[in-house]
Amino acid sequence: MRNLSRARGLAVGFVVLAALICFGSKQFVMPPVRDAQTYPAHDIHNDEKVSIAADPYDTSEKGAIFTQKYTDAGYLPIFVVVTNNGDEPVSVQSLRVELVTGNRTKILPASLDDLYRRFSKVKRRGDEPRTNPLPYPFPKKGPQAGTDRHASDEFHAAMFQAQAVEPHSSQAGFFFFDIDDISQPLTGTHLYVNDVRDNNGQELMYFDIPMEKYVATK
């Protein structure tokens, strides 16, 4: 009986250890990219054969692809997909996006530095209780200070980085919007996308994506 109990204990220990290893090795993987027209919230420019979709990752189920808890930190990740069904490439090198809420609040996407600052774990002078007798060292300079490597790698991997969209293909990535003080960030909200350019450098008309189309499917 003692050997049996010991064997069971070892088996449980291995299961727990395996779970911890899997959890510790979790990495961000970009979700599959579909044609923009297949997402509920999208806008199509039929003449240019370009469509753009916006897919908010506002639930715990969808947010499970990340290693960082963006919604807990006050950010709304939105997966933006650009599909080019034309015969010439389009440029998204200077893509500009803006989230405009139902009460007309305009929110620009967070920069890498914004994410570093929000997720930084560096405690700065004055954060410690005054009773602490030891002098607290000054933190390292720069927005990356205090951000762990996994978070930094995820920021770079997740954010929209495409330069161009080749004919009959799609490019996608995330934009992160600070909605910390907004109770219903998707109600009556629109995502506007500007500075998509054709192969001749001509800017296309802006894209207007009503987020209510996504809300209606939930």
Protein backbone atom coordinates (compact mmCIF):
# COMPACT_ATOMS: atom_id res chain seq x y z
CA MET A 1 0.00 0.00 0.00
CA ARG A 2 2.84 2.35 0.83
CA ASN A 3 4.42 1.77 -2.59
CA LEU A 4 1.05 2.29 -4.28
CA SER A 5 0.51 5.58 -2.48
CA ARG A 6 4.00 6.68 -3.38
CA ALA A 7 3.41 5.81 -7.03
CA ARG A 8 0.17 7.80 -7.05
CA GLY A 9 1.93 10.73 -5.46
CA LEU A 10 4.66 10.66 -8.07
CA ALA A 11 2.09 10.46 -10.87
CA VAL A 12 0.23 13.50 -9.53
CA GLY A 13 3.53 15.32 -9.18
CA PHE A 14 4.43 14.64 -12.80
CA VAL A 15 1.04 15.89 -13.98
CA VAL A 16 1.39 19.12 -12.00
CA LEU A 17 4.96 19.60 -13.23
CA ALA A 18 3.90 19.04 -16.84
CA ALA A 19 1.08 21.56 -16.46
CA LEU A 20 3.48 24.14 -15.03
CA ILE A 21 5.95 23.58 -17.85
CA CYS A 22 3.20 23.98 -20.45
CA PHE A 23 1.92 27.13 -18.78
CA GLY A 24 5.39 28.58 -18.50
CA SER A 25 6.15 27.87 -22.15
CA LYS A 26 2.91 29.37 -23.49
CA GLN A 27 3.57 31.69 -26.38
CA PHE A 28 1.42 34.02 -28.42
CA VAL A 29 0.33 32.65 -31.79
CA MET A 30 -1.36 34.93 -34.30
CA PRO A 31 -4.94 33.75 -35.01
CA PRO A 32 -5.78 32.42 -38.47
CA VAL A 33 -6.47 35.14 -41.01
CA ARG A 34 -9.61 34.92 -43.14
CA ASP A 35 -10.92 37.16 -45.89
CA ALA A 36 -12.01 40.43 -44.27
CA GLN A 37 -15.51 40.07 -45.67
CA THR A 38 -16.11 36.98 -43.52
CA TYR A 39 -15.87 38.94 -40.24
CA PRO A 40 -19.06 40.57 -38.90
CA ALA A 41 -17.57 44.08 -38.65
CA HIS A 42 -16.03 45.12 -41.97
CA ASP A 43 -16.12 47.70 -44.74
CA ILE A 44 -15.73 46.93 -48.45
CA HIS A 45 -14.50 49.20 -51.22
CA ASN A 46 -15.85 47.37 -54.22
CA ASP A 47 -14.21 49.61 -56.81
CA GLU A 48 -10.70 49.04 -55.40
CA LYS A 49 -11.50 45.45 -54.32
CA VAL A 50 -10.11 46.10 -50.85
CA SER A 51 -11.91 45.24 -47.62
CA ILE A 52 -10.95 45.74 -43.98
CA ALA A 53 -12.36 43.95 -40.93
CA ALA A 54 -12.11 44.64 -37.21
CA ASP A 55 -12.46 41.75 -34.76
CA PRO A 56 -12.38 42.81 -31.06
CA TYR A 57 -10.81 40.38 -28.59
CA ASP A 58 -13.03 41.45 -25.71
CA THR A 59 -13.79 38.10 -24.07
CA SER A 60 -11.71 35.80 -21.89
CA GLU A 61 -12.13 33.00 -24.43
CA LYS A 62 -10.70 35.04 -27.30
CA GLY A 63 -8.11 36.65 -25.05
CA ALA A 64 -6.70 33.23 -24.15
CA ILE A 65 -4.39 33.44 -27.18
CA PHE A 66 -2.37 36.09 -25.33
CA THR A 67 0.07 35.65 -22.48
CA GLN A 68 -0.74 39.14 -21.17
CA LYS A 69 -4.10 40.18 -19.73
CA TYR A 70 -4.82 43.23 -21.85
CA THR A 71 -8.43 43.71 -20.79
CA ASP A 72 -7.39 43.66 -17.12
CA ALA A 73 -4.87 46.37 -17.96
CA GLY A 74 -7.54 48.52 -19.61
CA TYR A 75 -6.76 47.72 -23.23
CA LEU A 76 -9.08 46.46 -25.96
CA PRO A 77 -7.18 44.38 -28.56
CA ILE A 78 -8.71 44.64 -32.03
CA PHE A 79 -7.60 42.27 -34.78
CA VAL A 80 -7.52 44.25 -38.03
CA VAL A 81 -7.56 42.33 -41.32
CA VAL A 82 -6.84 43.93 -44.69
CA THR A 83 -7.84 41.87 -47.73
CA ASN A 84 -6.81 42.77 -51.26
CA ASN A 85 -8.88 40.99 -53.89
CA GLY A 86 -7.48 43.13 -56.71
CA ASP A 87 -4.70 42.38 -59.16
CA GLU A 88 -2.23 44.98 -57.85
CA PRO A 89 -0.62 45.29 -54.40
CA VAL A 90 -1.79 47.93 -51.95
CA SER A 91 0.37 49.72 -49.41
CA VAL A 92 -0.47 49.74 -45.69
CA GLN A 93 2.95 51.02 -44.63
CA SER A 94 1.48 54.22 -43.17
CA LEU A 95 -1.85 52.74 -42.04
CA ARG A 96 -3.66 54.96 -39.55
CA VAL A 97 -6.51 53.70 -37.36
CA GLU A 98 -8.74 55.52 -34.91
CA LEU A 99 -11.48 54.24 -32.62
CA VAL A 100 -14.38 56.68 -32.19
CA THR A 101 -16.84 55.74 -29.46
CA GLY A 102 -20.56 56.37 -29.37
CA ASN A 103 -20.02 59.59 -27.41
CA ARG A 104 -17.44 60.76 -29.98
CA THR A 105 -14.38 60.03 -27.87
CA LYS A 106 -11.44 59.50 -30.22
CA ILE A 107 -8.88 56.86 -29.21
CA LEU A 108 -5.62 56.25 -31.02
CA PRO A 109 -3.95 52.83 -30.75
CA ALA A 110 -1.30 52.31 -28.11
CA SER A 111 2.33 52.49 -29.17
CA LEU A 112 4.94 49.97 -28.09
CA ASP A 113 6.14 52.46 -25.48
CA ASP A 114 2.57 52.78 -24.14
CA LEU A 115 2.35 49.01 -23.70
CA TYR A 116 5.77 48.86 -22.05
CA ARG A 117 4.76 51.53 -19.56
CA ARG A 118 1.40 49.95 -18.75
CA PHE A 119 2.83 46.46 -18.23
CA SER A 120 6.06 47.53 -16.55
CA LYS A 121 6.70 45.93 -13.18
CA VAL A 122 9.41 48.41 -12.18
CA LYS A 123 8.68 50.03 -8.85
CA ARG A 124 9.85 53.59 -8.86
CA ARG A 125 11.13 55.67 -5.97
CA GLY A 126 8.17 56.63 -3.82
CA ASP A 127 6.23 53.43 -4.54
CA GLU A 128 7.64 51.71 -1.43
CA PRO A 129 6.37 52.43 2.12
CA ARG A 130 8.26 55.23 3.83
CA THR A 131 9.19 52.90 6.65
CA ASN A 132 11.52 50.98 4.33
CA PRO A 133 14.99 51.72 5.73
CA LEU A 134 16.86 50.68 2.59
CA PRO A 135 17.28 53.13 -0.30
CA TYR A 136 15.44 51.89 -3.37
CA PRO A 137 17.58 51.86 -6.53
CA PHE A 138 16.59 53.98 -9.46
CA PRO A 139 14.91 51.92 -12.21
CA LYS A 140 16.57 51.36 -15.54
CA LYS A 141 15.85 54.08 -18.04
CA GLY A 142 13.59 53.50 -21.03
CA PRO A 143 10.00 52.30 -21.45
CA GLN A 144 11.09 48.64 -21.64
CA ALA A 145 12.42 48.71 -18.08
CA GLY A 146 10.50 46.23 -15.94
CA THR A 147 8.74 44.50 -18.83
CA ASP A 148 9.51 40.79 -18.99
CA ARG A 149 10.83 39.23 -22.19
CA HIS A 150 7.64 37.23 -22.91
CA ALA A 151 5.53 40.39 -22.82
CA SER A 152 7.97 42.27 -25.02
CA ASP A 153 8.09 39.45 -27.56
CA GLU A 154 4.29 39.31 -27.63
CA PHE A 155 3.92 43.06 -28.19
CA HIS A 156 6.17 42.88 -31.25
CA ALA A 157 4.58 39.68 -32.59
CA ALA A 158 0.97 40.78 -32.15
CA MET A 159 0.97 44.36 -33.39
CA PHE A 160 0.06 45.10 -37.02
CA GLN A 161 3.33 45.33 -38.96
CA ALA A 162 2.44 44.69 -42.59
CA GLN A 163 3.91 46.99 -45.21
CA ALA A 164 1.85 45.85 -48.19
CA VAL A 165 -0.94 43.45 -49.12
CA GLU A 166 -0.24 41.44 -52.24
CA PRO A 167 -3.00 40.67 -54.78
CA HIS A 168 -5.60 38.13 -53.61
CA SER A 169 -4.20 37.90 -50.10
CA SER A 170 -4.70 39.29 -46.60
CA GLN A 171 -2.54 40.83 -43.89
CA ALA A 172 -3.52 41.24 -40.26
CA GLY A 173 -2.39 42.22 -36.81
CA PHE A 174 -3.56 43.73 -33.54
CA PHE A 175 -4.09 47.30 -32.44
CA PHE A 176 -4.53 47.98 -28.71
CA PHE A 177 -6.88 50.75 -27.55
CA ASP A 178 -6.90 52.24 -24.06
CA ILE A 179 -10.53 51.98 -22.88
CA ASP A 180 -9.80 52.09 -19.16
CA ASP A 181 -12.42 54.78 -18.44
CA ILE A 182 -15.04 53.68 -20.98
CA SER A 183 -17.83 51.41 -19.74
CA GLN A 184 -19.25 50.32 -23.13
CA PRO A 185 -16.42 50.75 -25.61
CA LEU A 186 -18.12 49.04 -28.56
CA THR A 187 -21.63 50.49 -28.36
CA GLY A 188 -22.10 52.93 -31.23
CA THR A 189 -18.37 52.79 -31.92
CA HIS A 190 -16.66 52.98 -35.31
CA LEU A 191 -13.14 52.06 -36.34
CA TYR A 192 -11.80 54.37 -39.02
CA VAL A 193 -8.87 53.27 -41.17
CA ASN A 194 -6.92 55.73 -43.33
CA ASP A 195 -3.87 55.85 -45.58
CA VAL A 196 -4.36 52.65 -47.54
CA ARG A 197 -2.73 53.35 -50.91
CA ASP A 198 -2.93 51.69 -54.29
CA ASN A 199 0.05 50.62 -56.38
CA ASN A 200 0.37 54.17 -57.75
CA GLY A 201 0.55 55.74 -54.30
CA GLN A 202 -2.98 57.12 -54.49
CA GLU A 203 -4.77 57.08 -51.11
CA LEU A 204 -8.05 55.18 -51.03
CA MET A 205 -11.15 56.61 -49.41
CA TYR A 206 -11.16 55.96 -45.67
CA PHE A 207 -12.73 52.78 -44.30
CA ASP A 208 -15.56 53.05 -41.76
CA ILE A 209 -16.16 49.89 -39.75
CA PRO A 210 -19.21 49.95 -37.42
CA MET A 211 -18.45 47.85 -34.36
CA GLU A 212 -22.19 47.38 -33.75
CA LYS A 213 -22.05 44.69 -36.44
CA TYR A 214 -19.78 42.71 -34.15
CA VAL A 215 -21.85 43.46 -31.04
CA ALA A 216 -24.98 42.19 -32.79
CA THR A 217 -23.42 38.74 -33.22
CA LYS A 218 -22.62 38.25 -29.53
